[in-house]
Amino acid sequence: MQSSDPCLGHSREVREDARSFLNRDQGLRLGSGHERASDDESTFDSVDPSTGSSLGRIAAASPSDVSAAVDKASRALGAEDWRDISPTTRAGYLFDLADAVRDHRETLAELESIDMGKPLSQSLDEIDGVEHVFRYYGGWPTKLEGDVNPVRQPFFGMTLRQPIGVCAAITPWNYPLAMASQKIAPALAAGNTVVLKPSELASYTTLYLADLAREIGLPAGVLNVVPGYGDVVGEALIRHPDVHKVSFTGSPRVGRHILGVAGPSMKKVSVELGGKTANIVFPDADLRKAAAESAESIWENSGQQCIAPSRLFLHESIRDEMLELLLQETMKFRLGDPLDTATSIGPLISQAHLQSVSGYISSAMDQGASIVSGGKISEGDGFYLAPTVLTDVTNNMRVASEEIFGPVLSVIVFRDEDEVLRMANESEYDLSAAVWTRDISRAYRFSTRLRGGLVWVNTVGRIDQGLSYGGQHVSGNSRELGRESVLEYTRSKSVLVDPS
């Protein structure tokens, strides 16, 4: 591990517990949650995207480590201190995790901001959301009810909801702890055990959460964290015969691979993939509100989110007015150090990703688009790109059809409902969409006809733990959050009894 302080270069003093966590090598969390090195002693460096410097060294799990983690999860699944506990006791663990996240809120937020570049204010919001997710799913163990089925006499029929078994969770770097909680919480609520692989680009908060789980007394082996690379750790997880469910959030390319590998073994596979949200504004909308929320949603996390409203469809009659309002809102966002409380846009996750996003901007210019704001890579350390607004965009350009995952907004003009509905639905991504209008009939039409698993009306980018969301087609096949998510971690069993 580096000898210098990993927190140097940031504008504010870092909490001592966050600093000490970063200042030591991080190991795997298996079984009881205590750290250990990988079997082959491999490690990888985590990089601070705001400076480009190394934060520290993390153990890189090997295939044998994955097998050990799955074995511990399998043993925990059948252990009395997990299998035989009451739903109320299982709920208590989730409530205790929620309390622990709340009590370590500031530390987790600082680790998230340093590790992946998210502005501190947004990291604090994310950690609050993580607390709420654990608290929400803490209510579910006592609500997973079966059914009594009407069957012919003299039989008695019932349907039970039971845990699937060992669940592999593979999470992305853009919302590391939020995505981890959205997989861990419903899986545990249903009585499963979990082996989780965080992204090698942002692992620290997930490792910290594993330590919190140990501190609150979660039984050994119920939650295991195996950091490392996807082609090693992820591959071993999806191929392991004792893994019964795989839940993945990430790119369509990797999602297709997981479906192809894990599907034939009859594992239950849930993939939540990319998005290209259409954000449609009609002349009768509240334009100021639409501009403010659209700017907030597209620039949040530097546009590195699958639900980012990256295609802004403006009716031709309000194009200039809405664009001016949007640019005014964009000017309020300050690019800078994630730990500076005045910062509202941080760096992108890596140098490679910065170059990828910049390449989309160059492609748009070559195809005839115009830059009206941003477009420049910041000089100096870190992977910074100013929020970029493109006009003169057509729906067939790469910036309008491919997921960029960065602070790039494409403005597209439309004439009428039929045209914008066609353009919005031309995308191969079917994750989310938004419509702004005061016309309730139009709002209903678009809510039912826009493709995607989540449609916002007169708002955009909002998520709540009580409402499931998820994609279709290239955007995936799963549901995250809400009732539907916890049901995905259960299997249905029918029982027919002859009481005679």
Protein backbone atom coordinates (compact mmCIF):
# COMPACT_ATOMS: atom_id res chain seq x y z
CA MET A 1 0.00 0.00 0.00
CA GLN A 2 1.14 3.54 -0.64
CA SER A 3 3.07 5.23 2.14
CA SER A 4 1.54 8.68 1.66
CA ASP A 5 -1.83 9.74 3.00
CA PRO A 6 -4.50 8.80 0.42
CA CYS A 7 -6.69 11.70 1.51
CA LEU A 8 -4.16 14.40 0.65
CA GLY A 9 -5.23 16.52 -2.29
CA HIS A 10 -8.78 16.97 -1.05
CA SER A 11 -10.07 20.32 0.15
CA ARG A 12 -11.24 19.25 3.60
CA GLU A 13 -10.10 17.11 6.49
CA VAL A 14 -11.34 13.53 6.31
CA ARG A 15 -12.85 11.82 9.32
CA GLU A 16 -10.39 9.69 11.26
CA ASP A 17 -12.33 6.44 10.82
CA ALA A 18 -12.54 6.96 7.04
CA ARG A 19 -8.87 7.87 6.92
CA SER A 20 -7.80 4.80 8.91
CA PHE A 21 -9.97 2.54 6.74
CA LEU A 22 -8.22 3.83 3.62
CA ASN A 23 -4.80 3.65 5.24
CA ARG A 24 -4.79 -0.15 5.57
CA ASP A 25 -4.85 -2.99 3.11
CA GLN A 26 -8.33 -4.45 2.67
CA GLY A 27 -9.01 -8.17 2.65
CA LEU A 28 -11.84 -10.48 1.67
CA ARG A 29 -14.86 -10.76 4.00
CA LEU A 30 -15.79 -14.42 4.25
CA GLY A 31 -17.77 -16.36 6.82
CA SER A 32 -17.60 -14.35 10.02
CA GLY A 33 -16.72 -11.21 8.07
CA HIS A 34 -13.18 -10.99 9.39
CA GLU A 35 -10.62 -10.03 6.78
CA ARG A 36 -8.18 -12.32 5.10
CA ALA A 37 -5.91 -12.20 2.09
CA SER A 38 -6.79 -14.00 -1.12
CA ASP A 39 -5.43 -17.51 -1.58
CA ASP A 40 -2.88 -16.38 -4.15
CA GLU A 41 -2.26 -13.08 -2.30
CA SER A 42 -3.30 -11.04 -5.36
CA THR A 43 -4.29 -7.41 -4.85
CA PHE A 44 -5.40 -4.44 -6.90
CA ASP A 45 -5.10 -0.69 -6.41
CA SER A 46 -8.13 1.53 -5.97
CA VAL A 47 -7.74 4.91 -7.65
CA ASP A 48 -9.07 8.28 -6.48
CA PRO A 49 -10.80 9.69 -9.60
CA SER A 50 -10.42 13.27 -8.36
CA THR A 51 -6.62 13.05 -8.30
CA GLY A 52 -5.70 9.96 -10.30
CA SER A 53 -3.60 8.70 -7.38
CA SER A 54 -3.79 5.36 -5.58
CA LEU A 55 -6.04 5.16 -2.54
CA GLY A 56 -4.87 1.78 -1.30
CA ARG A 57 -4.63 -1.91 -1.96
CA ILE A 58 -7.50 -4.40 -1.88
CA ALA A 59 -7.35 -8.19 -1.98
CA ALA A 60 -8.35 -9.65 -5.36
CA ALA A 61 -10.29 -12.87 -4.84
CA SER A 62 -9.29 -15.99 -6.74
CA PRO A 63 -11.61 -18.78 -7.95
CA SER A 64 -10.73 -20.79 -4.84
CA ASP A 65 -11.72 -17.82 -2.67
CA VAL A 66 -15.08 -17.68 -4.47
CA SER A 67 -15.58 -21.39 -3.78
CA ALA A 68 -14.78 -20.81 -0.11
CA ALA A 69 -17.26 -17.93 0.05
CA VAL A 70 -20.02 -19.98 -1.59
CA ASP A 71 -19.29 -22.86 0.77
CA LYS A 72 -19.62 -20.59 3.78
CA ALA A 73 -22.85 -19.14 2.38
CA SER A 74 -24.18 -22.68 1.80
CA ARG A 75 -23.33 -23.71 5.35
CA ALA A 76 -24.97 -20.58 6.74
CA LEU A 77 -28.11 -21.30 4.72
CA GLY A 78 -28.63 -24.53 6.62
CA ALA A 79 -27.40 -23.35 10.02
CA GLU A 80 -29.84 -23.08 12.90
CA ASP A 81 -28.87 -19.47 13.64
CA TRP A 82 -30.19 -18.42 10.19
CA ARG A 83 -32.46 -21.13 8.79
CA ASP A 84 -34.49 -21.62 11.96
CA ILE A 85 -34.82 -18.07 13.25
CA SER A 86 -38.19 -16.35 13.33
CA PRO A 87 -39.15 -13.76 10.72
CA THR A 88 -39.08 -11.17 13.49
CA THR A 89 -35.46 -12.02 14.33
CA ARG A 90 -34.48 -11.82 10.67
CA ALA A 91 -36.21 -8.45 10.45
CA GLY A 92 -34.21 -7.34 13.47
CA TYR A 93 -30.92 -7.91 11.65
CA LEU A 94 -32.07 -5.67 8.79
CA PHE A 95 -33.25 -2.97 11.19
CA ASP A 96 -29.91 -3.19 13.01
CA LEU A 97 -28.07 -2.80 9.70
CA ALA A 98 -30.19 0.27 8.96
CA ASP A 99 -29.22 1.71 12.35
CA ALA A 100 -25.54 0.95 11.74
CA VAL A 101 -25.61 2.67 8.35
CA ARG A 102 -27.26 5.70 9.97
CA ASP A 103 -24.67 5.79 12.76
CA HIS A 104 -21.78 5.64 10.25
CA ARG A 105 -23.42 7.93 7.70
CA GLU A 106 -20.67 10.53 7.42
CA THR A 107 -17.87 7.97 7.22
CA LEU A 108 -19.62 5.96 4.52
CA ALA A 109 -20.36 9.13 2.55
CA GLU A 110 -16.74 10.26 2.67
CA LEU A 111 -15.51 6.84 1.57
CA GLU A 112 -17.99 6.86 -1.32
CA SER A 113 -16.95 10.35 -2.44
CA ILE A 114 -13.23 9.60 -2.26
CA ASP A 115 -13.53 6.18 -3.88
CA MET A 116 -15.74 6.99 -6.88
CA GLY A 117 -15.80 10.80 -7.09
CA LYS A 118 -19.41 11.51 -6.13
CA PRO A 119 -19.94 14.96 -4.53
CA LEU A 120 -20.32 14.65 -0.77
CA SER A 121 -23.87 16.02 -0.71
CA GLN A 122 -24.94 13.32 -3.17
CA SER A 123 -23.06 10.63 -1.24
CA LEU A 124 -24.88 11.64 1.94
CA ASP A 125 -28.19 11.31 0.08
CA GLU A 126 -27.12 7.88 -1.18
CA ILE A 127 -26.24 6.67 2.31
CA ASP A 128 -29.60 7.92 3.60
CA GLY A 129 -31.22 5.91 0.84
CA VAL A 130 -29.25 2.82 1.88
CA GLU A 131 -30.54 3.18 5.43
CA HIS A 132 -34.10 3.47 4.11
CA VAL A 133 -33.68 0.37 1.93
CA PHE A 134 -32.57 -1.78 4.87
CA ARG A 135 -35.36 -0.36 6.99
CA TYR A 136 -37.95 -0.97 4.26
CA TYR A 137 -36.91 -4.58 3.76
CA GLY A 138 -36.77 -5.05 7.51
CA GLY A 139 -40.55 -4.98 7.28
CA TRP A 140 -40.71 -7.82 4.76
CA PRO A 141 -39.74 -11.02 6.65
CA THR A 142 -43.05 -10.86 8.53
CA LYS A 143 -45.02 -10.09 5.34
CA LEU A 144 -43.88 -12.90 3.02
CA GLU A 145 -47.13 -14.77 3.22
CA GLY A 146 -48.27 -17.83 1.30
CA ASP A 147 -51.74 -18.68 0.06
CA VAL A 148 -54.46 -21.21 0.76
CA ASN A 149 -55.60 -22.50 -2.61
CA PRO A 150 -59.09 -23.65 -3.58
CA VAL A 151 -58.71 -27.34 -4.49
CA ARG A 152 -61.09 -30.29 -4.78
CA GLN A 153 -62.21 -32.19 -1.69
CA PRO A 154 -60.93 -33.76 0.46
CA PHE A 155 -57.61 -32.08 -0.19
CA PHE A 156 -56.11 -28.98 1.40
CA GLY A 157 -53.83 -26.88 -0.81
CA MET A 158 -51.40 -24.14 0.06
CA THR A 159 -48.54 -22.21 -1.54
CA LEU A 160 -45.41 -21.26 0.38
CA ARG A 161 -42.74 -18.63 -0.31
CA GLN A 162 -39.26 -19.96 0.46
CA PRO A 163 -35.71 -18.63 0.00
CA ILE A 164 -33.93 -19.55 -3.24
CA GLY A 165 -30.60 -20.32 -1.55
CA VAL A 166 -27.14 -18.84 -2.14
CA CYS A 167 -27.43 -15.60 -4.10
CA ALA A 168 -24.55 -14.08 -6.06
CA ALA A 169 -24.73 -10.28 -6.31
CA ILE A 170 -22.51 -8.40 -8.77
CA THR A 171 -22.73 -4.64 -8.31
CA PRO A 172 -21.53 -1.60 -10.32
CA TRP A 173 -19.27 1.30 -9.40
CA ASN A 174 -21.65 4.23 -9.92
CA TYR A 175 -23.78 3.70 -6.79
CA PRO A 176 -21.69 1.11 -4.95
CA LEU A 177 -23.45 0.96 -1.60
CA ALA A 178 -26.93 1.74 -2.90
CA MET A 179 -26.77 -1.10 -5.43
CA ALA A 180 -25.32 -3.45 -2.82
CA SER A 181 -28.15 -2.68 -0.40
CA GLN A 182 -30.79 -3.18 -3.10
CA LYS A 183 -29.54 -6.74 -3.55
CA ILE A 184 -28.50 -7.67 0.01
CA ALA A 185 -31.63 -6.39 1.78
CA PRO A 186 -34.34 -8.25 -0.19
CA ALA A 187 -32.18 -11.39 -0.37
CA LEU A 188 -31.75 -11.48 3.41
CA ALA A 189 -35.37 -10.54 4.02
CA ALA A 190 -36.40 -13.67 2.13
CA GLY A 191 -33.98 -15.84 4.13
CA ASN A 192 -31.20 -16.29 1.56
CA THR A 193 -27.45 -15.92 1.98
CA VAL A 194 -25.30 -13.66 -0.23
CA VAL A 195 -21.89 -13.65 -1.87
CA LEU A 196 -21.31 -10.17 -3.29
CA LYS A 197 -18.69 -8.96 -5.74
CA PRO A 198 -18.36 -5.15 -5.74
CA SER A 199 -16.82 -3.34 -8.69
CA GLU A 200 -13.03 -3.21 -8.55
CA LEU A 201 -13.37 0.52 -9.32
CA ALA A 202 -15.24 1.24 -6.06
CA SER A 203 -15.19 -1.41 -3.33
CA TYR A 204 -14.58 0.45 -0.06
CA THR A 205 -18.12 1.16 1.16
CA THR A 206 -19.26 -2.40 0.47
CA LEU A 207 -16.34 -3.74 2.51
CA TYR A 208 -17.21 -1.30 5.29
CA LEU A 209 -20.81 -2.53 5.20
CA ALA A 210 -19.60 -6.11 5.65
CA ASP A 211 -17.77 -4.97 8.79
CA LEU A 212 -20.95 -3.36 10.07
CA ALA A 213 -22.87 -6.58 9.42
CA ARG A 214 -20.35 -8.45 11.55
CA GLU A 215 -20.59 -5.86 14.32
CA ILE A 216 -24.39 -6.14 14.55
CA GLY A 217 -24.09 -9.90 14.88
CA LEU A 218 -25.32 -11.13 11.50
CA PRO A 219 -24.64 -14.88 11.56
CA ALA A 220 -21.37 -16.02 9.98
CA GLY A 221 -21.55 -16.71 6.26
CA VAL A 222 -24.85 -14.94 5.63
CA LEU A 223 -23.05 -12.04 3.90
CA ASN A 224 -19.70 -12.55 2.14
CA VAL A 225 -17.84 -9.94 0.07
CA VAL A 226 -15.28 -11.02 -2.55
CA PRO A 227 -13.72 -8.00 -4.29
CA GLY A 228 -11.79 -8.49 -7.51
CA TYR A 229 -12.10 -8.57 -11.26
CA GLY A 230 -15.17 -9.59 -13.21
CA ASP A 231 -13.45 -12.10 -15.48
CA VAL A 232 -12.17 -13.96 -12.41
CA VAL A 233 -14.54 -13.41 -9.48
CA GLY A 234 -17.72 -12.74 -11.41
CA GLU A 235 -17.06 -15.63 -13.76
CA ALA A 236 -16.46 -18.03 -10.88
CA LEU A 237 -19.65 -16.91 -9.17
CA ILE A 238 -21.96 -17.30 -12.14
CA ARG A 239 -20.51 -20.75 -12.94
CA HIS A 240 -20.55 -22.13 -9.39
CA PRO A 241 -23.01 -25.05 -9.09
CA ASP A 242 -24.05 -24.09 -5.55
CA VAL A 243 -25.10 -20.54 -6.52
CA HIS A 244 -28.87 -20.59 -7.02
CA LYS A 245 -29.50 -17.01 -8.12
CA VAL A 246 -27.40 -14.34 -9.84
CA SER A 247 -28.31 -10.67 -9.60
CA PHE A 248 -26.26 -8.32 -11.76
CA THR A 249 -26.34 -4.58 -12.42
CA GLY A 250 -24.09 -3.30 -15.20
CA SER A 251 -23.59 -3.22 -18.94
CA PRO A 252 -25.72 -5.07 -21.52
CA ARG A 253 -22.61 -6.81 -22.85
CA VAL A 254 -21.83 -8.41 -19.49
CA GLY A 255 -25.52 -9.05 -18.81
CA ARG A 256 -25.83 -11.07 -22.02
CA HIS A 257 -22.75 -13.06 -21.07
CA ILE A 258 -24.15 -13.87 -17.62
CA LEU A 259 -27.47 -14.99 -19.10
CA GLY A 260 -25.65 -17.20 -21.57
CA VAL A 261 -23.43 -18.83 -18.93
CA ALA A 262 -25.77 -19.10 -15.95
CA GLY A 263 -29.02 -19.77 -17.79
CA PRO A 264 -28.31 -23.32 -18.98
CA SER A 265 -27.58 -24.40 -15.38
CA MET A 266 -31.12 -23.28 -14.48
CA LYS A 267 -29.97 -20.57 -12.08
CA LYS A 268 -32.43 -17.77 -11.60
CA VAL A 269 -30.78 -14.74 -13.25
CA SER A 270 -31.77 -11.09 -12.84
CA VAL A 271 -29.94 -8.44 -14.85
CA GLU A 272 -30.49 -4.68 -14.59
CA LEU A 273 -28.69 -3.08 -17.50
CA GLY A 274 -28.42 0.20 -19.40
CA GLY A 275 -30.77 3.04 -20.17
CA LYS A 276 -31.31 5.96 -22.52
CA THR A 277 -34.10 7.89 -20.83
CA ALA A 278 -36.35 10.02 -23.02
CA ASN A 279 -37.31 13.22 -21.17
CA ILE A 280 -40.22 14.84 -23.05
CA VAL A 281 -41.34 18.43 -22.41
CA PHE A 282 -44.60 19.79 -23.88
CA PRO A 283 -45.51 23.49 -24.17
CA ASP A 284 -48.09 23.32 -21.36
CA ALA A 285 -45.53 22.04 -18.82
CA ASP A 286 -44.08 24.01 -15.90
CA LEU A 287 -40.91 24.87 -17.82
CA ARG A 288 -38.93 26.18 -14.86
CA LYS A 289 -39.59 23.05 -12.84
CA ALA A 290 -38.83 20.88 -15.85
CA ALA A 291 -35.54 22.68 -16.44
CA ALA A 292 -34.46 22.54 -12.80
CA GLU A 293 -35.25 18.85 -12.27
CA SER A 294 -33.91 17.81 -15.68
CA ALA A 295 -30.58 19.54 -14.99
CA GLU A 296 -30.36 18.05 -11.52
CA SER A 297 -31.09 14.55 -12.79
CA ILE A 298 -28.75 14.53 -15.80
CA TRP A 299 -25.80 16.11 -13.96
CA GLU A 300 -26.21 14.05 -10.78
CA ASN A 301 -23.25 11.70 -10.32
CA SER A 302 -21.78 13.29 -13.46
CA GLY A 303 -24.42 11.53 -15.56
CA GLN A 304 -23.08 8.13 -14.51
CA GLN A 305 -26.43 6.48 -13.90
CA CYS A 306 -28.61 4.20 -16.00
CA ILE A 307 -31.73 6.33 -15.49
CA ALA A 308 -30.04 9.62 -16.48
CA PRO A 309 -32.46 11.60 -18.72
CA SER A 310 -29.88 11.99 -21.48
CA ARG A 311 -32.34 12.59 -24.35
CA LEU A 312 -34.26 15.84 -23.84
CA PHE A 313 -37.14 16.14 -26.31
CA LEU A 314 -38.43 19.72 -26.59
CA HIS A 315 -41.49 20.81 -28.53
CA GLU A 316 -40.45 23.18 -31.30
CA SER A 317 -42.52 26.05 -29.85
CA ILE A 318 -40.59 26.07 -26.54
CA ARG A 319 -37.17 25.01 -27.76
CA ASP A 320 -35.40 28.33 -27.20
CA GLU A 321 -37.11 29.19 -23.91
CA MET A 322 -36.56 25.77 -22.38
CA LEU A 323 -32.96 25.62 -23.56
CA GLU A 324 -32.21 28.99 -21.97
CA LEU A 325 -33.76 27.87 -18.68
CA LEU A 326 -31.76 24.65 -18.81
CA LEU A 327 -28.49 26.50 -19.42
CA GLN A 328 -29.25 28.81 -16.49
CA GLU A 329 -29.73 25.79 -14.24
CA THR A 330 -26.58 24.13 -15.56
CA MET A 331 -24.50 27.21 -14.68
CA LYS A 332 -25.39 26.63 -11.02
CA PHE A 333 -23.50 23.33 -10.98
CA ARG A 334 -19.90 23.60 -9.81
CA LEU A 335 -17.21 21.19 -10.95
CA GLY A 336 -14.66 20.33 -8.29
CA ASP A 337 -13.31 18.26 -5.41
CA PRO A 338 -15.98 15.78 -4.29
CA LEU A 339 -15.30 16.54 -0.61
CA ASP A 340 -15.84 20.28 -1.09
CA THR A 341 -19.42 20.96 0.02
CA ALA A 342 -19.76 23.56 -2.76
CA THR A 343 -19.13 20.91 -5.43
CA SER A 344 -22.11 19.58 -7.34
CA ILE A 345 -20.30 17.72 -10.16
CA GLY A 346 -17.33 15.48 -9.48
CA PRO A 347 -14.98 13.56 -11.76
CA LEU A 348 -15.77 10.56 -13.92
CA ILE A 349 -14.73 7.19 -12.55
CA SER A 350 -11.54 6.63 -14.59
CA GLN A 351 -9.29 7.97 -17.32
CA ALA A 352 -10.57 5.32 -19.73
CA HIS A 353 -14.17 6.30 -19.07
CA LEU A 354 -13.35 9.98 -19.49
CA GLN A 355 -11.89 9.26 -22.91
CA SER A 356 -14.93 7.18 -23.85
CA VAL A 357 -17.37 9.97 -22.95
CA SER A 358 -15.23 12.56 -24.73
CA GLY A 359 -15.28 10.35 -27.81
CA TYR A 360 -19.08 10.52 -27.91
CA ILE A 361 -18.92 14.32 -27.92
CA SER A 362 -16.44 14.29 -30.81
CA SER A 363 -18.67 11.84 -32.69
CA ALA A 364 -21.68 14.12 -32.23
CA MET A 365 -19.75 17.08 -33.58
CA ASP A 366 -18.68 15.05 -36.61
CA GLN A 367 -22.33 14.16 -37.23
CA GLY A 368 -23.51 17.78 -37.13
CA ALA A 369 -24.40 18.45 -33.49
CA SER A 370 -23.51 21.74 -31.79
CA ILE A 371 -22.08 22.30 -28.30
CA VAL A 372 -23.85 25.07 -26.42
CA SER A 373 -22.29 24.33 -23.03
CA GLY A 374 -19.28 22.40 -21.71
CA GLY A 375 -17.58 19.77 -23.80
CA LYS A 376 -14.11 20.32 -22.39
CA ILE A 377 -11.92 18.06 -20.29
CA SER A 378 -10.60 19.99 -17.31
CA GLU A 379 -6.88 20.53 -17.05
CA GLY A 380 -4.93 19.22 -14.08
CA ASP A 381 -5.37 16.10 -11.97
CA GLY A 382 -8.44 13.94 -11.96
CA PHE A 383 -10.94 12.80 -14.58
CA TYR A 384 -13.16 15.87 -14.93
CA LEU A 385 -15.48 16.79 -17.79
CA ALA A 386 -17.69 19.89 -17.77
CA PRO A 387 -21.46 19.24 -18.13
CA THR A 388 -22.13 19.23 -21.86
CA VAL A 389 -25.31 20.26 -23.68
CA LEU A 390 -25.62 19.32 -27.37
CA THR A 391 -28.19 20.76 -29.77
CA ASP A 392 -28.98 19.99 -33.43
CA VAL A 393 -29.05 16.34 -32.41
CA THR A 394 -31.04 13.81 -34.40
CA ASN A 395 -32.37 10.60 -32.91
CA ASN A 396 -30.10 8.38 -35.02
CA MET A 397 -26.81 9.91 -33.83
CA ARG A 398 -24.63 7.81 -31.49
CA VAL A 399 -25.11 10.29 -28.65
CA ALA A 400 -28.88 9.81 -28.93
CA SER A 401 -28.92 6.04 -29.40
CA GLU A 402 -26.09 4.68 -27.21
CA GLU A 403 -25.68 4.89 -23.45
CA ILE A 404 -22.88 7.38 -22.72
CA PHE A 405 -22.88 7.20 -18.92
CA GLY A 406 -21.49 10.70 -18.54
CA PRO A 407 -22.48 14.39 -18.28
CA VAL A 408 -23.73 14.72 -21.84
CA LEU A 409 -27.26 15.87 -22.73
CA SER A 410 -28.71 15.62 -26.23
CA VAL A 411 -31.49 18.10 -27.10
CA ILE A 412 -33.89 16.89 -29.79
CA VAL A 413 -36.78 18.93 -31.21
CA PHE A 414 -40.20 17.46 -32.03
CA ARG A 415 -43.44 18.71 -33.64
CA ASP A 416 -46.26 16.54 -32.29
CA GLU A 417 -47.17 13.63 -30.03
CA ASP A 418 -46.87 10.91 -32.63
CA GLU A 419 -43.39 12.01 -33.67
CA VAL A 420 -41.96 12.24 -30.16
CA LEU A 421 -43.54 8.97 -29.06
CA ARG A 422 -42.00 7.24 -32.07
CA MET A 423 -38.56 8.76 -31.41
CA ALA A 424 -38.69 8.03 -27.68
CA ASN A 425 -39.54 4.38 -28.35
CA GLU A 426 -36.93 3.93 -31.09
CA SER A 427 -34.24 3.34 -28.47
CA GLU A 428 -33.24 -0.26 -27.83
CA TYR A 429 -33.16 0.60 -24.12
CA ASP A 430 -36.45 0.27 -22.26
CA LEU A 431 -35.60 1.32 -18.72
CA SER A 432 -37.26 4.67 -18.01
CA ALA A 433 -38.88 7.74 -19.54
CA ALA A 434 -40.40 11.05 -18.43
CA VAL A 435 -43.14 13.35 -19.71
CA TRP A 436 -43.90 16.91 -18.65
CA THR A 437 -47.46 18.16 -19.29
CA ARG A 438 -50.46 19.59 -17.46
CA ASP A 439 -52.79 17.63 -19.75
CA ILE A 440 -53.91 14.62 -17.70
CA SER A 441 -55.15 12.76 -20.79
CA ARG A 442 -51.77 13.18 -22.49
CA ALA A 443 -49.97 12.15 -19.29
CA TYR A 444 -52.00 8.94 -19.19
CA ARG A 445 -51.47 8.19 -22.88
CA PHE A 446 -47.72 8.57 -22.59
CA SER A 447 -47.53 6.63 -19.31
CA THR A 448 -49.07 3.62 -21.04
CA ARG A 449 -47.40 3.95 -24.46
CA LEU A 450 -43.83 4.88 -23.54
CA ARG A 451 -41.67 1.77 -23.39
CA GLY A 452 -39.83 1.08 -20.18
CA GLY A 453 -40.28 -0.16 -16.65
CA LEU A 454 -40.53 3.28 -15.04
CA VAL A 455 -42.28 6.42 -16.31
CA TRP A 456 -42.16 9.77 -14.52
CA VAL A 457 -44.87 12.41 -14.98
CA ASN A 458 -43.93 16.02 -14.16
CA THR A 459 -40.79 14.84 -12.39
CA VAL A 460 -37.70 12.89 -13.41
CA GLY A 461 -34.98 10.77 -11.84
CA ARG A 462 -36.77 10.05 -8.56
CA ILE A 463 -36.54 6.61 -6.96
CA ASP A 464 -38.27 5.31 -3.84
CA GLN A 465 -37.61 2.02 -2.05
CA GLY A 466 -41.33 1.24 -2.04
CA LEU A 467 -41.67 1.36 -5.84
CA SER A 468 -40.12 -1.31 -8.06
CA TYR A 469 -38.26 -0.29 -11.20
CA GLY A 470 -36.47 -2.22 -13.91
CA GLY A 471 -35.98 -2.56 -17.61
CA GLN A 472 -37.08 -4.61 -20.57
CA HIS A 473 -35.24 -5.84 -23.67
CA VAL A 474 -31.63 -4.52 -23.66
CA SER A 475 -32.28 -2.79 -20.33
CA GLY A 476 -32.64 -6.11 -18.53
CA ASN A 477 -35.21 -8.45 -17.03
CA SER A 478 -35.27 -7.64 -13.32
CA ARG A 479 -37.06 -5.45 -10.82
CA GLU A 480 -35.18 -3.55 -8.14
CA LEU A 481 -36.76 -2.28 -4.92
CA GLY A 482 -40.35 -2.64 -3.78
CA ARG A 483 -42.42 -5.81 -3.40
CA GLU A 484 -41.45 -7.28 -6.75
CA SER A 485 -37.77 -7.26 -5.86
CA VAL A 486 -38.15 -9.29 -2.67
CA LEU A 487 -40.33 -11.82 -4.49
CA GLU A 488 -37.49 -12.35 -6.99
CA TYR A 489 -35.45 -13.77 -4.10
CA THR A 490 -38.09 -16.40 -3.30
CA ARG A 491 -39.35 -19.58 -4.91
CA SER A 492 -42.90 -20.77 -4.78
CA LYS A 493 -43.69 -24.21 -3.33
CA SER A 494 -47.13 -25.82 -3.51
CA VAL A 495 -48.29 -28.29 -0.88
CA LEU A 496 -51.27 -30.62 -1.30
CA VAL A 497 -52.50 -32.39 1.84
CA ASP A 498 -54.99 -35.21 2.21
CA PRO A 499 -56.30 -34.62 5.75
CA SER A 500 -58.28 -37.85 5.71
